[in-house]
Amino acid sequence: MMYGILGFLDRETEEKIDKLRDGMKKAGIADYGMRPHVTIATHNDLEVELFKKEMEKYFMNQSAIQLFFPSIGMFLNSGTLYAAPTKDSNLTDFHTSYHERFKGVIDPKSLYAPSQWVPHCTIASHLTHEKLVEAFDYSVKHLGPFTARIESVELLELVFDEDVCTDMKDLFTVDLKRFNS
């Protein structure tokens, strides 16, 4: 079984990304329905009930993380277009400290390991080259730089068909402490 630790964004940002995706869907470019998020880590095997308790203890006093998304990018050979936050010290510290705390249950070769992590919020995925170009063009025209906050962190069970995540089951959520921005 595979599990994900996802940082979910504030409602205003979710609406912004959803509006962009809806426009792409109406234009026949892409249809990507996952809730906007930034993935923090993946785990291959967990004692779920024990992990939920540890996760709650770890995150219960953490503050929401302010992000700034000044750019969009793509992952090579995957047809994935994403919005990219600046990898500042707040985000890096948030991510690295999680990986240090739970290093015993994280695959050190994971793409989400601190040495390999590219923080991102997926806009569209599994696109052909042509659709990726269209999605990039659409995003450049309809999305400017924006700020966001990671306001909650969720543990999800991920279901894969070959290398494609086909379903997610929410297992546990921890809301991060609010701060005045």
N, C-alpha and C. Protein backbone atom coordinates (compact mmCIF):
# COMPACT_ATOMS: atom_id res chain seq x y z
N MET A 1 0.85 -1.18 0.00
CA MET A 1 0.00 0.00 0.00
C MET A 1 0.89 1.24 0.00
N MET A 2 0.45 2.28 -0.68
CA MET A 2 1.19 3.54 -0.67
C MET A 2 0.32 4.63 -0.05
N TYR A 3 0.99 5.51 0.68
CA TYR A 3 0.32 6.61 1.37
C TYR A 3 1.00 7.92 1.00
N GLY A 4 0.20 8.99 0.99
CA GLY A 4 0.74 10.31 0.71
C GLY A 4 0.46 11.26 1.85
N ILE A 5 1.38 12.18 2.05
CA ILE A 5 1.18 13.29 2.99
C ILE A 5 1.07 14.54 2.12
N LEU A 6 -0.13 15.09 2.06
CA LEU A 6 -0.40 16.22 1.17
C LEU A 6 -0.73 17.46 1.97
N GLY A 7 -0.16 18.59 1.55
CA GLY A 7 -0.47 19.88 2.15
C GLY A 7 -1.55 20.54 1.31
N PHE A 8 -2.74 20.69 1.90
CA PHE A 8 -3.84 21.31 1.16
C PHE A 8 -3.84 22.82 1.37
N LEU A 9 -4.22 23.50 0.31
CA LEU A 9 -4.10 24.96 0.24
C LEU A 9 -5.37 25.65 0.71
N ASP A 10 -5.26 26.93 0.96
CA ASP A 10 -6.40 27.74 1.38
C ASP A 10 -7.49 27.74 0.31
N ARG A 11 -8.71 28.03 0.75
CA ARG A 11 -9.88 27.95 -0.13
C ARG A 11 -9.75 28.88 -1.34
N GLU A 12 -9.27 30.08 -1.14
CA GLU A 12 -9.14 31.04 -2.25
C GLU A 12 -8.20 30.49 -3.33
N THR A 13 -7.11 29.88 -2.91
CA THR A 13 -6.17 29.31 -3.88
C THR A 13 -6.78 28.10 -4.58
N GLU A 14 -7.48 27.26 -3.83
CA GLU A 14 -8.15 26.11 -4.45
C GLU A 14 -9.11 26.59 -5.54
N GLU A 15 -9.87 27.64 -5.24
CA GLU A 15 -10.82 28.18 -6.21
C GLU A 15 -10.09 28.71 -7.45
N LYS A 16 -8.95 29.36 -7.26
CA LYS A 16 -8.16 29.90 -8.37
C LYS A 16 -7.68 28.76 -9.28
N ILE A 17 -7.13 27.70 -8.69
CA ILE A 17 -6.64 26.57 -9.47
C ILE A 17 -7.80 25.83 -10.13
N ASP A 18 -8.89 25.64 -9.40
CA ASP A 18 -10.06 24.97 -9.97
C ASP A 18 -10.63 25.75 -11.15
N LYS A 19 -10.66 27.07 -11.05
CA LYS A 19 -11.15 27.90 -12.15
C LYS A 19 -10.25 27.73 -13.38
N LEU A 20 -8.94 27.70 -13.18
CA LEU A 20 -8.01 27.48 -14.29
C LEU A 20 -8.26 26.12 -14.92
N ARG A 21 -8.39 25.10 -14.10
CA ARG A 21 -8.64 23.74 -14.61
C ARG A 21 -9.98 23.65 -15.33
N ASP A 22 -11.01 24.31 -14.79
CA ASP A 22 -12.32 24.31 -15.45
C ASP A 22 -12.23 24.93 -16.84
N GLY A 23 -11.47 26.02 -16.94
CA GLY A 23 -11.28 26.66 -18.24
C GLY A 23 -10.58 25.74 -19.22
N MET A 24 -9.58 25.01 -18.74
CA MET A 24 -8.87 24.05 -19.60
C MET A 24 -9.80 22.92 -20.04
N LYS A 25 -10.64 22.49 -19.13
CA LYS A 25 -11.58 21.41 -19.47
C LYS A 25 -12.55 21.89 -20.55
N LYS A 26 -13.10 23.09 -20.38
CA LYS A 26 -14.04 23.64 -21.36
C LYS A 26 -13.38 23.86 -22.71
N ALA A 27 -12.07 24.17 -22.69
CA ALA A 27 -11.33 24.39 -23.94
C ALA A 27 -10.86 23.07 -24.56
N GLY A 28 -11.15 21.95 -23.90
CA GLY A 28 -10.76 20.65 -24.43
C GLY A 28 -9.28 20.34 -24.30
N ILE A 29 -8.63 20.99 -23.34
CA ILE A 29 -7.18 20.82 -23.17
C ILE A 29 -6.86 19.71 -22.17
N ALA A 30 -7.47 19.79 -20.99
CA ALA A 30 -7.14 18.85 -19.92
C ALA A 30 -8.30 18.75 -18.95
N ASP A 31 -8.36 17.62 -18.26
CA ASP A 31 -9.37 17.40 -17.23
C ASP A 31 -8.68 16.72 -16.05
N TYR A 32 -8.26 17.54 -15.08
CA TYR A 32 -7.53 17.03 -13.92
C TYR A 32 -8.32 17.39 -12.68
N GLY A 33 -8.78 16.40 -11.94
CA GLY A 33 -9.70 16.67 -10.86
C GLY A 33 -9.19 16.57 -9.44
N MET A 34 -7.89 16.29 -9.26
CA MET A 34 -7.38 16.19 -7.88
C MET A 34 -7.42 17.54 -7.19
N ARG A 35 -7.79 17.52 -5.93
CA ARG A 35 -7.82 18.76 -5.14
C ARG A 35 -6.42 19.38 -5.13
N PRO A 36 -6.31 20.70 -5.35
CA PRO A 36 -5.00 21.36 -5.37
C PRO A 36 -4.24 21.15 -4.06
N HIS A 37 -2.97 20.78 -4.18
CA HIS A 37 -2.15 20.47 -3.01
C HIS A 37 -0.67 20.52 -3.37
N VAL A 38 0.14 20.46 -2.34
CA VAL A 38 1.59 20.29 -2.47
C VAL A 38 1.92 19.01 -1.71
N THR A 39 2.49 18.03 -2.40
CA THR A 39 2.83 16.77 -1.75
C THR A 39 4.10 16.94 -0.91
N ILE A 40 4.03 16.47 0.32
CA ILE A 40 5.15 16.58 1.27
C ILE A 40 5.98 15.30 1.27
N ALA A 41 5.29 14.15 1.22
CA ALA A 41 6.01 12.87 1.31
C ALA A 41 5.11 11.74 0.84
N THR A 42 5.73 10.61 0.54
CA THR A 42 5.00 9.36 0.32
C THR A 42 5.63 8.29 1.22
N HIS A 43 4.78 7.37 1.60
CA HIS A 43 5.20 6.25 2.46
C HIS A 43 4.72 4.96 1.80
N ASN A 44 5.56 3.94 1.79
CA ASN A 44 5.16 2.66 1.19
C ASN A 44 4.32 1.82 2.14
N ASP A 45 4.70 1.73 3.38
CA ASP A 45 3.95 0.94 4.36
C ASP A 45 3.90 1.69 5.66
N LEU A 46 2.73 1.66 6.30
CA LEU A 46 2.55 2.33 7.58
C LEU A 46 1.66 1.51 8.49
N GLU A 47 1.89 1.61 9.77
CA GLU A 47 0.92 1.18 10.78
C GLU A 47 0.00 2.38 10.92
N VAL A 48 -1.11 2.39 10.18
CA VAL A 48 -1.91 3.60 9.99
C VAL A 48 -2.39 4.21 11.30
N GLU A 49 -2.96 3.44 12.19
CA GLU A 49 -3.51 4.01 13.43
C GLU A 49 -2.41 4.63 14.29
N LEU A 50 -1.29 3.98 14.40
CA LEU A 50 -0.15 4.53 15.15
C LEU A 50 0.38 5.79 14.47
N PHE A 51 0.49 5.74 13.14
CA PHE A 51 1.01 6.88 12.40
C PHE A 51 0.11 8.10 12.55
N LYS A 52 -1.21 7.90 12.53
CA LYS A 52 -2.14 9.02 12.69
C LYS A 52 -1.89 9.74 14.02
N LYS A 53 -1.65 8.99 15.08
CA LYS A 53 -1.38 9.61 16.39
C LYS A 53 -0.08 10.41 16.35
N GLU A 54 0.95 9.83 15.75
CA GLU A 54 2.24 10.52 15.65
C GLU A 54 2.13 11.76 14.76
N MET A 55 1.39 11.63 13.67
CA MET A 55 1.19 12.75 12.75
C MET A 55 0.46 13.90 13.45
N GLU A 56 -0.57 13.56 14.22
CA GLU A 56 -1.31 14.60 14.93
C GLU A 56 -0.40 15.31 15.93
N LYS A 57 0.38 14.57 16.68
CA LYS A 57 1.32 15.18 17.64
C LYS A 57 2.31 16.09 16.92
N TYR A 58 2.80 15.64 15.79
CA TYR A 58 3.81 16.39 15.06
C TYR A 58 3.25 17.71 14.51
N PHE A 59 2.07 17.66 13.90
CA PHE A 59 1.54 18.84 13.20
C PHE A 59 0.66 19.75 14.06
N MET A 60 0.21 19.31 15.22
CA MET A 60 -0.81 20.07 15.95
C MET A 60 -0.37 21.47 16.36
N ASN A 61 0.90 21.72 16.52
CA ASN A 61 1.37 23.06 16.89
C ASN A 61 2.07 23.79 15.76
N GLN A 62 1.99 23.24 14.57
CA GLN A 62 2.63 23.89 13.42
C GLN A 62 1.70 24.93 12.81
N SER A 63 2.29 26.02 12.37
CA SER A 63 1.52 27.09 11.73
C SER A 63 1.38 26.83 10.24
N ALA A 64 0.33 27.42 9.68
CA ALA A 64 0.14 27.38 8.23
C ALA A 64 1.39 27.94 7.55
N ILE A 65 1.68 27.45 6.37
CA ILE A 65 2.88 27.85 5.64
C ILE A 65 2.49 28.77 4.49
N GLN A 66 3.03 29.97 4.50
CA GLN A 66 2.80 30.94 3.42
C GLN A 66 3.65 30.56 2.21
N LEU A 67 3.04 30.57 1.03
CA LEU A 67 3.74 30.24 -0.21
C LEU A 67 3.56 31.37 -1.22
N PHE A 68 4.52 31.48 -2.11
CA PHE A 68 4.42 32.39 -3.25
C PHE A 68 4.70 31.58 -4.50
N PHE A 69 3.76 31.60 -5.44
CA PHE A 69 3.87 30.87 -6.70
C PHE A 69 4.15 31.85 -7.84
N PRO A 70 5.41 32.04 -8.21
CA PRO A 70 5.74 32.99 -9.26
C PRO A 70 5.88 32.37 -10.65
N SER A 71 5.80 31.03 -10.74
CA SER A 71 6.11 30.41 -12.04
C SER A 71 5.32 29.12 -12.24
N ILE A 72 5.33 28.68 -13.50
CA ILE A 72 4.79 27.36 -13.84
C ILE A 72 5.91 26.56 -14.48
N GLY A 73 5.77 25.26 -14.43
CA GLY A 73 6.81 24.39 -14.99
C GLY A 73 6.22 23.06 -15.40
N MET A 74 7.09 22.17 -15.84
CA MET A 74 6.62 20.84 -16.24
C MET A 74 7.67 19.81 -15.88
N PHE A 75 7.19 18.59 -15.64
CA PHE A 75 8.09 17.47 -15.42
C PHE A 75 8.30 16.78 -16.75
N LEU A 76 9.54 16.54 -17.09
CA LEU A 76 9.88 15.91 -18.36
C LEU A 76 9.33 14.49 -18.43
N ASN A 77 8.87 14.12 -19.60
CA ASN A 77 8.39 12.77 -19.90
C ASN A 77 7.19 12.32 -19.07
N SER A 78 6.43 13.26 -18.51
CA SER A 78 5.25 12.85 -17.74
C SER A 78 3.98 13.57 -18.18
N GLY A 79 4.12 14.59 -18.99
CA GLY A 79 2.96 15.36 -19.40
C GLY A 79 2.32 16.11 -18.24
N THR A 80 3.12 16.50 -17.25
CA THR A 80 2.60 17.18 -16.06
C THR A 80 2.99 18.66 -16.07
N LEU A 81 1.99 19.51 -15.92
CA LEU A 81 2.18 20.96 -15.82
C LEU A 81 1.83 21.35 -14.39
N TYR A 82 2.64 22.22 -13.80
CA TYR A 82 2.41 22.59 -12.40
C TYR A 82 2.72 24.05 -12.14
N ALA A 83 2.11 24.56 -11.05
CA ALA A 83 2.48 25.87 -10.51
C ALA A 83 3.57 25.61 -9.48
N ALA A 84 4.61 26.44 -9.50
CA ALA A 84 5.78 26.22 -8.64
C ALA A 84 5.92 27.32 -7.60
N PRO A 85 5.91 26.93 -6.31
CA PRO A 85 6.17 27.93 -5.28
C PRO A 85 7.67 28.17 -5.15
N THR A 86 8.02 29.34 -4.66
CA THR A 86 9.41 29.63 -4.34
C THR A 86 9.83 28.69 -3.21
N LYS A 87 10.97 28.07 -3.36
CA LYS A 87 11.47 27.12 -2.35
C LYS A 87 12.25 27.91 -1.29
N ASP A 88 11.49 28.67 -0.48
CA ASP A 88 12.12 29.50 0.55
C ASP A 88 12.39 28.69 1.82
N SER A 89 12.98 29.34 2.81
CA SER A 89 13.38 28.61 4.03
C SER A 89 12.18 28.08 4.81
N ASN A 90 11.05 28.80 4.82
CA ASN A 90 9.87 28.31 5.54
C ASN A 90 9.38 26.99 4.95
N LEU A 91 9.27 26.94 3.64
CA LEU A 91 8.80 25.73 2.97
C LEU A 91 9.82 24.61 3.10
N THR A 92 11.08 24.93 2.88
CA THR A 92 12.14 23.93 2.98
C THR A 92 12.23 23.36 4.40
N ASP A 93 12.17 24.23 5.40
CA ASP A 93 12.23 23.77 6.79
C ASP A 93 11.02 22.89 7.14
N PHE A 94 9.84 23.29 6.69
CA PHE A 94 8.61 22.52 6.92
C PHE A 94 8.76 21.11 6.35
N HIS A 95 9.24 21.04 5.12
CA HIS A 95 9.40 19.77 4.41
C HIS A 95 10.51 18.92 5.03
N THR A 96 11.67 19.52 5.23
CA THR A 96 12.82 18.78 5.74
C THR A 96 12.58 18.26 7.15
N SER A 97 11.97 19.07 8.00
CA SER A 97 11.73 18.63 9.38
C SER A 97 10.76 17.45 9.42
N TYR A 98 9.77 17.44 8.51
CA TYR A 98 8.87 16.29 8.43
C TYR A 98 9.66 15.03 8.06
N HIS A 99 10.51 15.15 7.06
CA HIS A 99 11.30 14.00 6.61
C HIS A 99 12.28 13.53 7.69
N GLU A 100 12.83 14.45 8.45
CA GLU A 100 13.72 14.05 9.55
C GLU A 100 12.94 13.33 10.65
N ARG A 101 11.76 13.84 10.99
CA ARG A 101 10.95 13.23 12.06
C ARG A 101 10.49 11.82 11.68
N PHE A 102 10.10 11.63 10.42
CA PHE A 102 9.52 10.34 10.01
C PHE A 102 10.44 9.54 9.10
N LYS A 103 11.75 9.78 9.20
CA LYS A 103 12.70 9.13 8.28
C LYS A 103 12.66 7.61 8.33
N GLY A 104 12.23 7.03 9.43
CA GLY A 104 12.16 5.58 9.53
C GLY A 104 11.10 4.94 8.67
N VAL A 105 10.13 5.73 8.21
CA VAL A 105 9.04 5.18 7.39
C VAL A 105 8.93 5.87 6.03
N ILE A 106 9.98 6.56 5.63
CA ILE A 106 10.01 7.23 4.32
C ILE A 106 11.09 6.58 3.47
N ASP A 107 10.77 6.33 2.21
CA ASP A 107 11.76 5.80 1.28
C ASP A 107 12.74 6.92 0.95
N PRO A 108 14.02 6.77 1.30
CA PRO A 108 14.99 7.85 1.05
C PRO A 108 15.23 8.11 -0.44
N LYS A 109 14.79 7.20 -1.30
CA LYS A 109 14.96 7.39 -2.75
C LYS A 109 13.71 8.01 -3.40
N SER A 110 12.72 8.33 -2.59
CA SER A 110 11.49 8.92 -3.08
C SER A 110 11.77 10.25 -3.79
N LEU A 111 10.95 10.57 -4.78
CA LEU A 111 11.05 11.87 -5.46
C LEU A 111 10.71 13.02 -4.51
N TYR A 112 10.12 12.70 -3.36
CA TYR A 112 9.75 13.74 -2.39
C TYR A 112 10.79 13.87 -1.28
N ALA A 113 11.88 13.11 -1.35
CA ALA A 113 12.98 13.24 -0.39
C ALA A 113 13.57 14.64 -0.52
N PRO A 114 14.05 15.23 0.56
CA PRO A 114 14.55 16.61 0.51
C PRO A 114 15.57 16.87 -0.60
N SER A 115 16.42 15.92 -0.90
CA SER A 115 17.44 16.15 -1.93
C SER A 115 16.88 16.15 -3.35
N GLN A 116 15.66 15.64 -3.54
CA GLN A 116 15.09 15.54 -4.88
C GLN A 116 13.79 16.31 -5.06
N TRP A 117 13.23 16.81 -3.99
CA TRP A 117 11.89 17.38 -4.00
C TRP A 117 11.80 18.64 -4.86
N VAL A 118 10.81 18.66 -5.72
CA VAL A 118 10.45 19.85 -6.48
C VAL A 118 9.04 20.23 -6.02
N PRO A 119 8.92 21.20 -5.11
CA PRO A 119 7.58 21.55 -4.63
C PRO A 119 6.73 22.07 -5.77
N HIS A 120 5.48 21.61 -5.81
CA HIS A 120 4.61 22.00 -6.92
C HIS A 120 3.15 21.72 -6.58
N CYS A 121 2.28 22.38 -7.31
CA CYS A 121 0.85 22.12 -7.29
C CYS A 121 0.47 21.77 -8.72
N THR A 122 0.08 20.52 -8.94
CA THR A 122 -0.22 20.07 -10.30
C THR A 122 -1.43 20.79 -10.86
N ILE A 123 -1.28 21.28 -12.08
CA ILE A 123 -2.38 21.91 -12.81
C ILE A 123 -3.04 20.87 -13.71
N ALA A 124 -2.24 20.10 -14.42
CA ALA A 124 -2.74 19.05 -15.32
C ALA A 124 -1.68 17.98 -15.44
N SER A 125 -2.12 16.77 -15.77
CA SER A 125 -1.17 15.66 -15.81
C SER A 125 -1.54 14.68 -16.93
N HIS A 126 -0.56 13.88 -17.31
CA HIS A 126 -0.71 12.84 -18.34
C HIS A 126 -1.17 13.43 -19.68
N LEU A 127 -0.58 14.57 -20.04
CA LEU A 127 -0.92 15.24 -21.29
C LEU A 127 0.03 14.82 -22.40
N THR A 128 -0.49 14.81 -23.61
CA THR A 128 0.38 14.61 -24.77
C THR A 128 1.23 15.87 -24.93
N HIS A 129 2.25 15.79 -25.75
CA HIS A 129 3.10 16.96 -25.98
C HIS A 129 2.26 18.14 -26.46
N GLU A 130 1.36 17.89 -27.39
CA GLU A 130 0.53 18.97 -27.95
C GLU A 130 -0.37 19.59 -26.87
N LYS A 131 -1.01 18.74 -26.06
CA LYS A 131 -1.89 19.25 -25.01
C LYS A 131 -1.10 19.96 -23.91
N LEU A 132 0.12 19.50 -23.65
CA LEU A 132 0.98 20.16 -22.67
C LEU A 132 1.30 21.58 -23.12
N VAL A 133 1.60 21.74 -24.40
CA VAL A 133 1.88 23.07 -24.95
C VAL A 133 0.63 23.95 -24.83
N GLU A 134 -0.55 23.39 -25.14
CA GLU A 134 -1.80 24.15 -25.02
C GLU A 134 -2.07 24.53 -23.56
N ALA A 135 -1.84 23.59 -22.65
CA ALA A 135 -2.07 23.86 -21.22
C ALA A 135 -1.12 24.93 -20.71
N PHE A 136 0.13 24.88 -21.14
CA PHE A 136 1.11 25.89 -20.76
C PHE A 136 0.65 27.26 -21.25
N ASP A 137 0.28 27.34 -22.52
CA ASP A 137 -0.17 28.60 -23.11
C ASP A 137 -1.41 29.13 -22.38
N TYR A 138 -2.36 28.25 -22.11
CA TYR A 138 -3.58 28.65 -21.41
C TYR A 138 -3.24 29.19 -20.02
N SER A 139 -2.35 28.50 -19.31
CA SER A 139 -1.97 28.91 -17.95
C SER A 139 -1.27 30.26 -17.94
N VAL A 140 -0.38 30.48 -18.90
CA VAL A 140 0.34 31.75 -18.98
C VAL A 140 -0.65 32.90 -19.17
N LYS A 141 -1.71 32.66 -19.94
CA LYS A 141 -2.70 33.70 -20.21
C LYS A 141 -3.70 33.91 -19.07
N HIS A 142 -3.92 32.88 -18.24
CA HIS A 142 -4.98 32.95 -17.24
C HIS A 142 -4.53 32.87 -15.79
N LEU A 143 -3.23 32.78 -15.56
CA LEU A 143 -2.74 32.65 -14.20
C LEU A 143 -1.52 33.53 -14.00
N GLY A 144 -1.61 34.43 -13.05
CA GLY A 144 -0.46 35.26 -12.71
C GLY A 144 0.15 34.76 -11.41
N PRO A 145 1.24 35.39 -10.97
CA PRO A 145 1.83 35.02 -9.69
C PRO A 145 0.79 35.15 -8.57
N PHE A 146 0.84 34.26 -7.60
CA PHE A 146 -0.14 34.30 -6.51
C PHE A 146 0.47 33.79 -5.21
N THR A 147 -0.15 34.22 -4.11
CA THR A 147 0.24 33.71 -2.79
C THR A 147 -0.79 32.66 -2.37
N ALA A 148 -0.36 31.78 -1.49
CA ALA A 148 -1.23 30.72 -0.99
C ALA A 148 -0.74 30.33 0.39
N ARG A 149 -1.51 29.47 1.05
CA ARG A 149 -1.11 28.93 2.34
C ARG A 149 -1.41 27.43 2.37
N ILE A 150 -0.49 26.66 2.91
CA ILE A 150 -0.81 25.28 3.27
C ILE A 150 -1.50 25.37 4.62
N GLU A 151 -2.79 25.02 4.65
CA GLU A 151 -3.59 25.18 5.87
C GLU A 151 -3.90 23.87 6.58
N SER A 152 -3.76 22.76 5.87
CA SER A 152 -3.99 21.47 6.50
C SER A 152 -3.09 20.44 5.84
N VAL A 153 -2.84 19.37 6.58
CA VAL A 153 -2.02 18.28 6.07
C VAL A 153 -2.84 17.00 6.22
N GLU A 154 -2.87 16.21 5.15
CA GLU A 154 -3.69 15.00 5.16
C GLU A 154 -2.86 13.77 4.85
N LEU A 155 -3.25 12.69 5.50
CA LEU A 155 -2.74 11.36 5.19
C LEU A 155 -3.75 10.71 4.27
N LEU A 156 -3.29 10.29 3.10
CA LEU A 156 -4.17 9.63 2.14
C LEU A 156 -3.61 8.28 1.75
N GLU A 157 -4.52 7.35 1.50
CA GLU A 157 -4.14 6.07 0.92
C GLU A 157 -4.24 6.24 -0.59
N LEU A 158 -3.17 5.92 -1.30
CA LEU A 158 -3.11 6.11 -2.74
C LEU A 158 -3.29 4.78 -3.45
N VAL A 159 -4.17 4.76 -4.45
CA VAL A 159 -4.41 3.55 -5.24
C VAL A 159 -3.83 3.78 -6.63
N PHE A 160 -2.99 2.86 -7.08
CA PHE A 160 -2.32 3.00 -8.37
C PHE A 160 -2.75 1.90 -9.33
N ASP A 161 -2.86 2.27 -10.60
CA ASP A 161 -2.99 1.32 -11.70
C ASP A 161 -1.76 1.53 -12.55
N GLU A 162 -0.83 0.60 -12.49
CA GLU A 162 0.51 0.75 -13.05
C GLU A 162 1.17 1.95 -12.36
N ASP A 163 1.58 2.97 -13.09
CA ASP A 163 2.23 4.12 -12.45
C ASP A 163 1.30 5.32 -12.28
N VAL A 164 0.00 5.13 -12.48
CA VAL A 164 -0.95 6.23 -12.42
C VAL A 164 -1.81 6.11 -11.17
N CYS A 165 -1.84 7.18 -10.38
CA CYS A 165 -2.70 7.22 -9.20
C CYS A 165 -4.14 7.37 -9.68
N THR A 166 -4.98 6.37 -9.38
CA THR A 166 -6.36 6.37 -9.87
C THR A 166 -7.38 6.73 -8.80
N ASP A 167 -6.96 6.68 -7.53
CA ASP A 167 -7.90 6.99 -6.46
C ASP A 167 -7.13 7.33 -5.19
N MET A 168 -7.77 8.14 -4.35
CA MET A 168 -7.20 8.50 -3.06
C MET A 168 -8.29 8.37 -2.00
N LYS A 169 -7.92 7.85 -0.86
CA LYS A 169 -8.85 7.73 0.26
C LYS A 169 -8.31 8.56 1.42
N ASP A 170 -9.08 9.57 1.84
CA ASP A 170 -8.67 10.40 2.97
C ASP A 170 -8.71 9.56 4.25
N LEU A 171 -7.59 9.54 4.97
CA LEU A 171 -7.51 8.78 6.20
C LEU A 171 -7.47 9.66 7.44
N PHE A 172 -6.84 10.84 7.33
CA PHE A 172 -6.65 11.67 8.52
C PHE A 172 -6.22 13.07 8.11
N THR A 173 -6.74 14.08 8.80
CA THR A 173 -6.40 15.47 8.52
C THR A 173 -5.99 16.18 9.80
N VAL A 174 -4.96 17.00 9.69
CA VAL A 174 -4.56 17.89 10.79
C VAL A 174 -4.58 19.31 10.24
N ASP A 175 -5.38 20.18 10.87
CA ASP A 175 -5.39 21.59 10.48
C ASP A 175 -4.20 22.27 11.13
N LEU A 176 -3.51 23.08 10.35
CA LEU A 176 -2.38 23.84 10.89
C LEU A 176 -2.90 25.11 11.55
N LYS A 177 -2.14 25.64 12.49
CA LYS A 177 -2.55 26.85 13.19
C LYS A 177 -2.58 28.03 12.22
N ARG A 178 -3.59 28.85 12.38
CA ARG A 178 -3.73 30.05 11.54
C ARG A 178 -2.76 31.11 12.02
N PHE A 179 -2.41 31.97 11.10
CA PHE A 179 -1.60 33.13 11.47
C PHE A 179 -2.17 34.33 10.75
N ASN A 180 -1.89 35.50 11.25
CA ASN A 180 -2.36 36.73 10.60
C ASN A 180 -1.37 37.11 9.53
N SER A 181 -1.87 37.22 8.28
CA SER A 181 -0.96 37.58 7.18
C SER A 181 -1.10 39.02 6.80
